């Protein structure tokens, strides 16, 4: 999915100083950092193109789960829309005997140009409850991808047959086609498995992991992620724990949600954040003096208020006299809680939970003294 670029900056002055800048319009006081303070900076990026394949259990117990997905889909697609992502959304079932990975619904693939996207998804996701009780989601995902790869190959061959003789440029253009209905070569692939039963695919999870990670070609395994809405261990709604789906999601860096939830809104928002590639975890370059870790998230001055609603504090001072796209908004997200950040010592990283996840194009700054330095 999207990649972070880390840049390390060190403080230059011996003490916290104030520098008077009078050449940039109104006088402003700009603080510099004490010595030994580190600032690890990251840019929050997202994928620009994403193909999403939903693999949905269509056995007898799934009607309310499918309805739940349809009702809460806005929580999933909202981030795609706000981030102007070029998406394709398709649905298949866990029935590998009847459906065999075939894409379901009308239209079979939902795009930003589809009329009333939420309604279209709500219709497509209701794949019925007459499917096989042998729910093989991982195998169904493989079959769906195989079928789409074959369809795309056929499109290329048809393109080549239309080329005039001795027109190598035309043949090359056919080989480089990217405008397929689904499984576009330059798009990230996000698979979401939804089932209240354990996956019963015939191969072990590692087999499917190796298959999925090579769909985009050698070296592009980071372009494929899987997630799941499944039965959690110890659930109270009668769902069988989806341990194979969780293992797959863990291997690919995906998220999991509980299929017993009365509403999937929060889970779908979490999956959407994962799908578009917005990072929740940002590594520190050095071991910190934990008590000194501070987190700031900078946004352009024209960032919508809704995107800033979860800030614990918001400094707008730097936006005075600056252009709307300048990074003058400084958000300090809450520390801990369901919508806050926390430091994970085992992995030496800062983790953002819930709505505190930095938005698209945000600049994340992690400031701290190294271990053994600064205030004790």
Protein backbone atom coordinates (compact mmCIF):
# COMPACT_ATOMS: atom_id res chain seq x y z
CA UNK A 1 0.00 0.00 0.00
CA UNK A 2 1.36 3.86 0.39
CA UNK A 3 5.03 4.41 1.68
CA UNK A 4 6.39 6.84 4.33
CA UNK A 5 9.56 8.86 3.76
CA UNK A 6 11.45 9.54 6.99
CA UNK A 7 13.51 12.70 7.41
CA UNK A 8 15.55 13.36 10.54
CA UNK A 9 16.16 16.87 11.84
CA UNK A 10 18.29 17.94 14.82
CA UNK A 11 17.98 21.09 16.93
CA UNK A 12 20.65 23.70 16.20
CA UNK A 13 20.66 25.99 19.22
CA UNK A 14 22.04 25.44 22.74
CA UNK A 15 18.85 26.64 24.39
CA UNK A 16 15.29 27.11 23.24
CA UNK A 17 15.58 30.42 21.41
CA UNK A 18 13.28 32.81 19.66
CA UNK A 19 14.07 34.14 16.23
CA UNK A 20 12.37 37.31 15.07
CA UNK A 21 11.37 37.11 11.42
CA UNK A 22 10.45 40.50 10.05
CA UNK A 23 11.02 39.87 6.37
CA UNK A 24 7.94 37.68 5.95
CA UNK A 25 5.10 40.11 6.53
CA UNK A 26 3.90 40.38 10.15
CA UNK A 27 6.56 39.72 12.79
CA UNK A 28 6.41 36.13 14.02
CA UNK A 29 8.29 34.37 16.78
CA UNK A 30 9.61 30.98 15.69
CA UNK A 31 10.95 28.64 18.38
CA UNK A 32 13.99 26.48 17.71
CA UNK A 33 14.77 23.23 19.48
CA UNK A 34 17.16 22.55 22.35
CA UNK A 35 20.25 20.44 21.64
CA UNK A 36 19.86 16.65 21.57
CA UNK A 37 16.19 16.84 20.62
CA UNK A 38 15.28 14.66 17.66
CA UNK A 39 12.34 15.16 15.30
CA UNK A 40 11.47 12.20 13.08
CA UNK A 41 9.21 13.43 10.28
CA UNK A 42 6.92 11.41 8.02
CA UNK A 43 4.51 12.25 5.22
CA UNK A 44 1.21 10.38 5.30
CA UNK A 45 0.53 9.07 1.80
CA UNK A 46 -2.24 6.93 0.36
CA UNK A 47 -2.63 4.72 -2.67
CA UNK A 48 -4.14 6.54 -5.64
CA UNK A 49 -5.73 3.44 -7.20
CA UNK A 50 -7.28 0.54 -5.28
CA UNK A 51 -9.18 -2.56 -6.36
CA UNK A 52 -11.28 -3.97 -3.51
CA UNK A 53 -12.60 -7.53 -3.61
CA UNK A 54 -15.19 -8.52 -1.01
CA UNK A 55 -15.46 -12.30 -0.48
CA UNK A 56 -18.75 -12.75 1.34
CA UNK A 57 -20.17 -15.86 3.00
CA UNK A 58 -23.52 -16.69 1.38
CA UNK A 59 -24.54 -19.58 3.65
CA UNK A 60 -27.75 -19.73 5.67
CA UNK A 61 -26.78 -17.60 8.68
CA UNK A 62 -25.45 -14.59 6.80
CA UNK A 63 -28.50 -12.48 5.91
CA UNK A 64 -28.24 -10.06 8.89
CA UNK A 65 -24.46 -9.74 8.38
CA UNK A 66 -24.94 -8.77 4.74
CA UNK A 67 -27.61 -6.24 5.73
CA UNK A 68 -25.21 -4.83 8.34
CA UNK A 69 -22.54 -4.30 5.67
CA UNK A 70 -24.98 -2.55 3.36
CA UNK A 71 -26.28 -0.20 6.08
CA UNK A 72 -22.81 0.86 7.20
CA UNK A 73 -21.00 1.03 3.87
CA UNK A 74 -20.81 4.84 4.02
CA UNK A 75 -18.25 4.46 6.82
CA UNK A 76 -16.04 2.55 4.39
CA UNK A 77 -16.39 4.55 1.19
CA UNK A 78 -16.22 8.02 2.81
CA UNK A 79 -12.42 7.96 3.13
CA UNK A 80 -12.04 6.80 -0.47
CA UNK A 81 -14.18 9.72 -1.64
CA UNK A 82 -12.47 12.34 0.54
CA UNK A 83 -9.06 11.13 -0.61
CA UNK A 84 -10.10 11.23 -4.30
CA UNK A 85 -9.02 7.60 -4.76
CA UNK A 86 -9.70 5.86 -8.06
CA UNK A 87 -11.36 2.69 -6.76
CA UNK A 88 -12.99 -0.46 -8.14
CA UNK A 89 -15.17 -2.53 -5.80
CA UNK A 90 -16.32 -6.06 -6.60
CA UNK A 91 -18.07 -8.84 -4.68
CA UNK A 92 -17.87 -12.63 -4.86
CA UNK A 93 -18.99 -15.39 -2.50
CA UNK A 94 -17.38 -18.15 -0.45
CA UNK A 95 -19.23 -20.78 -2.54
CA UNK A 96 -16.50 -22.29 -4.74
CA UNK A 97 -18.80 -24.93 -6.23
CA UNK A 98 -21.55 -22.78 -7.71
CA UNK A 99 -20.07 -19.28 -8.01
CA UNK A 100 -16.38 -20.28 -8.40
CA UNK A 101 -15.14 -16.75 -7.78
CA UNK A 102 -17.54 -15.07 -10.21
CA UNK A 103 -18.19 -11.38 -9.54
CA UNK A 104 -21.74 -10.73 -8.36
CA UNK A 105 -24.20 -7.84 -8.72
CA UNK A 106 -25.11 -5.11 -11.15
CA UNK A 107 -22.84 -3.42 -12.00
CA UNK A 108 -20.33 -6.17 -11.29
CA UNK A 109 -17.66 -3.56 -10.56
CA UNK A 110 -18.46 -0.31 -8.73
CA UNK A 111 -16.40 2.78 -9.62
CA UNK A 112 -16.46 6.47 -8.60
CA UNK A 113 -18.64 7.03 -11.65
CA UNK A 114 -21.31 4.53 -10.52
CA UNK A 115 -24.63 6.19 -9.75
CA UNK A 116 -25.38 6.04 -6.01
CA UNK A 117 -22.38 3.97 -4.97
CA UNK A 118 -23.78 3.12 -1.52
CA UNK A 119 -27.02 1.74 -2.95
CA UNK A 120 -25.15 -0.25 -5.58
CA UNK A 121 -22.90 -1.82 -2.94
CA UNK A 122 -25.86 -2.57 -0.66
CA UNK A 123 -27.48 -4.49 -3.51
CA UNK A 124 -24.30 -6.30 -4.55
CA UNK A 125 -23.32 -7.34 -1.05
CA UNK A 126 -26.61 -9.16 -0.51
CA UNK A 127 -25.39 -12.32 -2.19
CA UNK A 128 -28.10 -14.48 -0.64
CA UNK A 129 -28.04 -17.33 1.86
CA UNK A 130 -28.37 -20.39 -0.38
CA UNK A 131 -24.65 -20.96 -0.87
CA UNK A 132 -22.65 -23.99 0.14
CA UNK A 133 -22.14 -24.53 3.89
CA UNK A 134 -18.53 -25.37 2.94
CA UNK A 135 -17.25 -21.80 3.19
CA UNK A 136 -13.91 -21.52 1.39
CA UNK A 137 -13.20 -17.81 1.34
CA UNK A 138 -9.45 -17.94 0.62
CA UNK A 139 -9.95 -20.34 -2.28
CA UNK A 140 -12.83 -18.20 -3.59
CA UNK A 141 -10.55 -15.16 -3.55
CA UNK A 142 -7.95 -17.09 -5.54
CA UNK A 143 -10.55 -18.24 -8.06
CA UNK A 144 -11.87 -14.70 -8.49
CA UNK A 145 -8.39 -13.36 -9.15
CA UNK A 146 -7.56 -16.20 -11.55
CA UNK A 147 -10.76 -15.52 -13.48
CA UNK A 148 -10.03 -11.81 -13.72
CA UNK A 149 -6.44 -12.43 -14.79
CA UNK A 150 -7.76 -14.67 -17.59
CA UNK A 151 -10.31 -12.04 -18.64
CA UNK A 152 -7.61 -9.35 -18.72
CA UNK A 153 -5.35 -11.62 -20.79
CA UNK A 154 -8.18 -12.15 -23.25
CA UNK A 155 -8.67 -8.39 -23.51
CA UNK A 156 -4.99 -8.02 -24.40
CA UNK A 157 -5.24 -10.71 -27.08
CA UNK A 158 -8.31 -9.08 -28.60
CA UNK A 159 -6.44 -5.79 -28.65
CA UNK A 160 -3.52 -7.40 -30.47
CA UNK A 161 -5.79 -8.99 -33.05
CA UNK A 162 -7.14 -5.54 -33.86
CA UNK A 163 -3.63 -4.22 -34.60
CA UNK A 164 -2.71 -3.81 -38.25
CA UNK A 165 0.14 -5.95 -39.58
CA UNK A 166 3.65 -4.68 -38.94
CA UNK A 167 2.49 -2.25 -36.23
CA UNK A 168 4.78 -3.06 -33.27
CA UNK A 169 3.76 0.12 -31.44
CA UNK A 170 0.16 -1.10 -31.38
CA UNK A 171 1.19 -4.51 -30.04
CA UNK A 172 3.31 -2.88 -27.34
CA UNK A 173 0.41 -0.66 -26.33
CA UNK A 174 -1.78 -3.74 -25.95
CA UNK A 175 0.79 -5.39 -23.65
CA UNK A 176 0.89 -2.24 -21.53
CA UNK A 177 -2.88 -1.89 -21.14
CA UNK A 178 -4.02 -0.85 -17.67
CA UNK A 179 -7.67 0.09 -18.24
CA UNK A 180 -9.17 -3.24 -17.21
CA UNK A 181 -12.49 -3.42 -15.41
CA UNK A 182 -10.77 -4.96 -12.36
CA UNK A 183 -7.33 -6.12 -11.22
CA UNK A 184 -5.61 -3.16 -12.82
CA UNK A 185 -1.81 -3.58 -12.99
CA UNK A 186 -1.10 -0.20 -11.35
CA UNK A 187 -3.73 -0.50 -8.59
CA UNK A 188 -3.32 -1.83 -5.07
CA UNK A 189 -5.41 -4.92 -4.30
CA UNK A 190 -7.38 -5.18 -1.04
CA UNK A 191 -9.29 -8.38 -0.26
CA UNK A 192 -11.89 -8.43 2.52
CA UNK A 193 -13.24 -11.78 3.74
CA UNK A 194 -16.61 -11.73 5.54
CA UNK A 195 -17.81 -14.91 7.24
CA UNK A 196 -19.22 -16.22 10.51
CA UNK A 197 -17.49 -19.57 9.94
CA UNK A 198 -13.87 -20.68 9.72
CA UNK A 199 -12.30 -20.81 6.27
CA UNK A 200 -12.39 -24.36 4.87
CA UNK A 201 -10.17 -23.87 1.81
CA UNK A 202 -8.20 -27.00 0.98
CA UNK A 203 -4.69 -25.48 1.07
CA UNK A 204 -2.86 -24.11 4.08
CA UNK A 205 -2.85 -20.37 4.74
CA UNK A 206 0.76 -19.95 3.61
CA UNK A 207 -0.15 -21.30 0.17
CA UNK A 208 -2.76 -18.56 -0.28
CA UNK A 209 -0.44 -15.97 1.19
CA UNK A 210 2.21 -16.81 -1.39
CA UNK A 211 -0.41 -16.68 -4.13
CA UNK A 212 -1.86 -13.32 -3.11
CA UNK A 213 1.50 -11.66 -2.55
CA UNK A 214 2.63 -12.50 -6.12
CA UNK A 215 -0.55 -11.33 -7.87
CA UNK A 216 1.09 -7.99 -8.68
CA UNK A 217 4.34 -9.56 -9.80
CA UNK A 218 7.64 -10.27 -8.11
CA UNK A 219 8.71 -7.47 -5.80
CA UNK A 220 5.23 -5.94 -5.57
CA UNK A 221 3.92 -8.00 -2.66
CA UNK A 222 3.34 -4.79 -0.69
CA UNK A 223 0.55 -3.92 -3.14
CA UNK A 224 -1.73 -6.69 -1.81
CA UNK A 225 -3.44 -6.66 1.59
CA UNK A 226 -6.14 -8.87 3.06
CA UNK A 227 -8.57 -8.10 5.88
CA UNK A 228 -11.49 -9.88 7.49
CA UNK A 229 -14.76 -9.43 9.32
CA UNK A 230 -15.03 -12.74 11.13
CA UNK A 231 -15.88 -14.56 14.30
CA UNK A 232 -13.63 -13.55 17.17
CA UNK A 233 -12.48 -16.07 19.77
CA UNK A 234 -14.90 -16.26 22.68
CA UNK A 235 -17.69 -14.45 20.78
CA UNK A 236 -21.27 -14.58 21.99
CA UNK A 237 -23.14 -14.61 18.68
CA UNK A 238 -22.49 -18.22 17.71
CA UNK A 239 -19.83 -17.47 15.09
CA UNK A 240 -16.92 -19.84 14.60
CA UNK A 241 -13.58 -18.05 15.13
CA UNK A 242 -11.97 -17.22 11.78
CA UNK A 243 -8.40 -18.07 12.77
CA UNK A 244 -7.25 -18.70 9.18
CA UNK A 245 -8.58 -15.32 8.05
CA UNK A 246 -6.80 -13.65 10.95
CA UNK A 247 -3.56 -15.43 10.13
CA UNK A 248 -3.80 -14.26 6.53
CA UNK A 249 -4.54 -10.68 7.57
CA UNK A 250 -1.62 -10.69 10.00
CA UNK A 251 0.71 -11.90 7.25
CA UNK A 252 -0.32 -9.13 4.85
CA UNK A 253 -0.63 -6.31 7.38
CA UNK A 254 -4.43 -6.15 7.23
CA UNK A 255 -7.07 -5.47 9.88
CA UNK A 256 -9.76 -7.70 11.33
CA UNK A 257 -13.20 -6.91 12.72
CA UNK A 258 -15.76 -8.82 14.77
CA UNK A 259 -18.72 -10.13 12.79
CA UNK A 260 -20.79 -10.13 16.00
CA UNK A 261 -20.83 -6.31 16.15
CA UNK A 262 -24.33 -4.87 15.99
CA UNK A 263 -23.09 -2.22 13.55
CA UNK A 264 -20.03 -2.45 11.32
CA UNK A 265 -19.45 1.32 11.13
CA UNK A 266 -16.29 1.44 13.27
CA UNK A 267 -14.88 -1.73 11.70
CA UNK A 268 -15.48 -0.49 8.15
CA UNK A 269 -13.79 2.82 8.95
CA UNK A 270 -10.78 0.89 10.28
CA UNK A 271 -10.69 -1.29 7.17
CA UNK A 272 -10.94 1.75 4.90
CA UNK A 273 -7.99 3.40 6.64
CA UNK A 274 -6.02 0.19 6.15
CA UNK A 275 -7.15 -0.13 2.52
CA UNK A 276 -6.09 3.31 1.35
CA UNK A 277 -2.71 2.85 2.96
CA UNK A 278 -2.93 5.46 5.72
CA UNK A 279 -0.35 4.36 8.26
CA UNK A 280 -1.21 3.93 11.93
CA UNK A 281 2.35 3.10 13.00
CA UNK A 282 5.39 5.37 12.73
CA UNK A 283 8.80 4.15 13.84
CA UNK A 284 11.19 6.21 15.93
CA UNK A 285 14.70 6.28 14.53
CA UNK A 286 16.28 5.97 17.99
CA UNK A 287 15.19 4.63 21.37
CA UNK A 288 13.53 7.54 23.21
CA UNK A 289 13.40 8.87 26.70
CA UNK A 290 9.74 7.86 26.82
CA UNK A 291 8.64 10.73 29.06
CA UNK A 292 9.78 13.26 26.45
CA UNK A 293 7.94 11.90 23.40
CA UNK A 294 5.67 14.52 21.81
CA UNK A 295 3.51 14.05 18.73
CA UNK A 296 2.42 16.74 16.29
CA UNK A 297 0.47 16.33 13.07
CA UNK A 298 0.66 19.22 10.60
CA UNK A 299 -2.02 19.92 8.02
CA UNK A 300 -2.48 22.48 5.23
CA UNK A 301 -4.28 25.64 6.34
CA UNK A 302 -7.28 24.80 4.12
CA UNK A 303 -7.91 21.40 5.75
CA UNK A 304 -11.67 20.87 6.44
CA UNK A 305 -12.74 21.22 10.07
CA UNK A 306 -14.12 17.68 10.12
CA UNK A 307 -10.62 16.29 9.60
CA UNK A 308 -9.39 18.18 12.66
CA UNK A 309 -12.22 17.40 15.06
CA UNK A 310 -10.24 14.81 17.05
CA UNK A 311 -7.28 17.07 17.85
CA UNK A 312 -6.63 17.53 21.56
CA UNK A 313 -5.38 21.01 20.70
CA UNK A 314 -5.06 22.87 17.39
CA UNK A 315 -2.66 25.76 16.73
CA UNK A 316 -3.63 27.93 13.77
CA UNK A 317 -1.10 30.70 14.42
CA UNK A 318 1.25 29.76 11.61
CA UNK A 319 -1.54 30.03 9.02
CA UNK A 320 -1.70 33.82 9.44
CA UNK A 321 -0.52 35.37 6.19
CA UNK A 322 0.29 31.99 4.64
CA UNK A 323 -1.16 30.40 1.50
CA UNK A 324 -4.09 27.98 1.99
CA UNK A 325 -1.96 24.95 1.07
CA UNK A 326 0.85 25.78 3.52
CA UNK A 327 1.33 23.39 6.44
CA UNK A 328 0.39 25.85 9.15
CA UNK A 329 -2.17 23.86 11.18
CA UNK A 330 -0.53 22.02 14.07
CA UNK A 331 -2.69 19.30 15.62
CA UNK A 332 -1.77 17.60 18.86
CA UNK A 333 -3.75 14.34 18.96
CA UNK A 334 -4.90 12.93 22.32
CA UNK A 335 -2.57 10.66 24.25
CA UNK A 336 -3.98 7.14 24.60
CA UNK A 337 -7.66 6.27 24.49
CA UNK A 338 -9.75 4.96 21.59
CA UNK A 339 -8.85 7.97 19.44
CA UNK A 340 -5.34 8.75 20.62
CA UNK A 341 -1.69 7.84 20.15
CA UNK A 342 0.54 5.66 22.29
CA UNK A 343 4.16 4.55 22.31
CA UNK A 344 4.88 0.84 21.80
CA UNK A 345 8.30 0.10 23.37
CA UNK A 346 8.54 -3.44 21.98
CA UNK A 347 8.56 -2.12 18.41
CA UNK A 348 9.85 1.39 19.15
CA UNK A 349 6.99 3.10 17.35
CA UNK A 350 4.09 5.47 17.85
CA UNK A 351 0.67 3.93 17.17
CA UNK A 352 -2.41 6.01 16.31
CA UNK A 353 -5.79 4.53 17.29
CA UNK A 354 -9.26 5.27 15.94
CA UNK A 355 -9.87 8.73 14.50
CA UNK A 356 -6.45 10.00 15.53
CA UNK A 357 -4.85 8.36 12.45
CA UNK A 358 -3.18 11.18 10.49
CA UNK A 359 -5.09 12.11 7.36
CA UNK A 360 -3.96 12.05 3.75
CA UNK A 361 -0.88 14.24 3.10
CA UNK A 362 -0.50 15.09 6.79
CA UNK A 363 3.02 15.61 8.12
CA UNK A 364 3.73 13.61 11.27
CA UNK A 365 6.44 14.86 13.64
CA UNK A 366 7.69 12.71 16.51
CA UNK A 367 9.84 14.80 18.87
CA UNK A 368 11.88 13.29 21.70
CA UNK A 369 15.16 13.07 23.54
CA UNK A 370 17.11 9.89 23.02
CA UNK A 371 17.20 7.34 25.83
CA UNK A 372 19.34 8.56 28.71
CA UNK A 373 19.11 12.22 27.68
CA UNK A 374 16.80 15.11 28.51
CA UNK A 375 14.60 15.43 31.59
CA UNK A 376 14.62 12.30 33.73
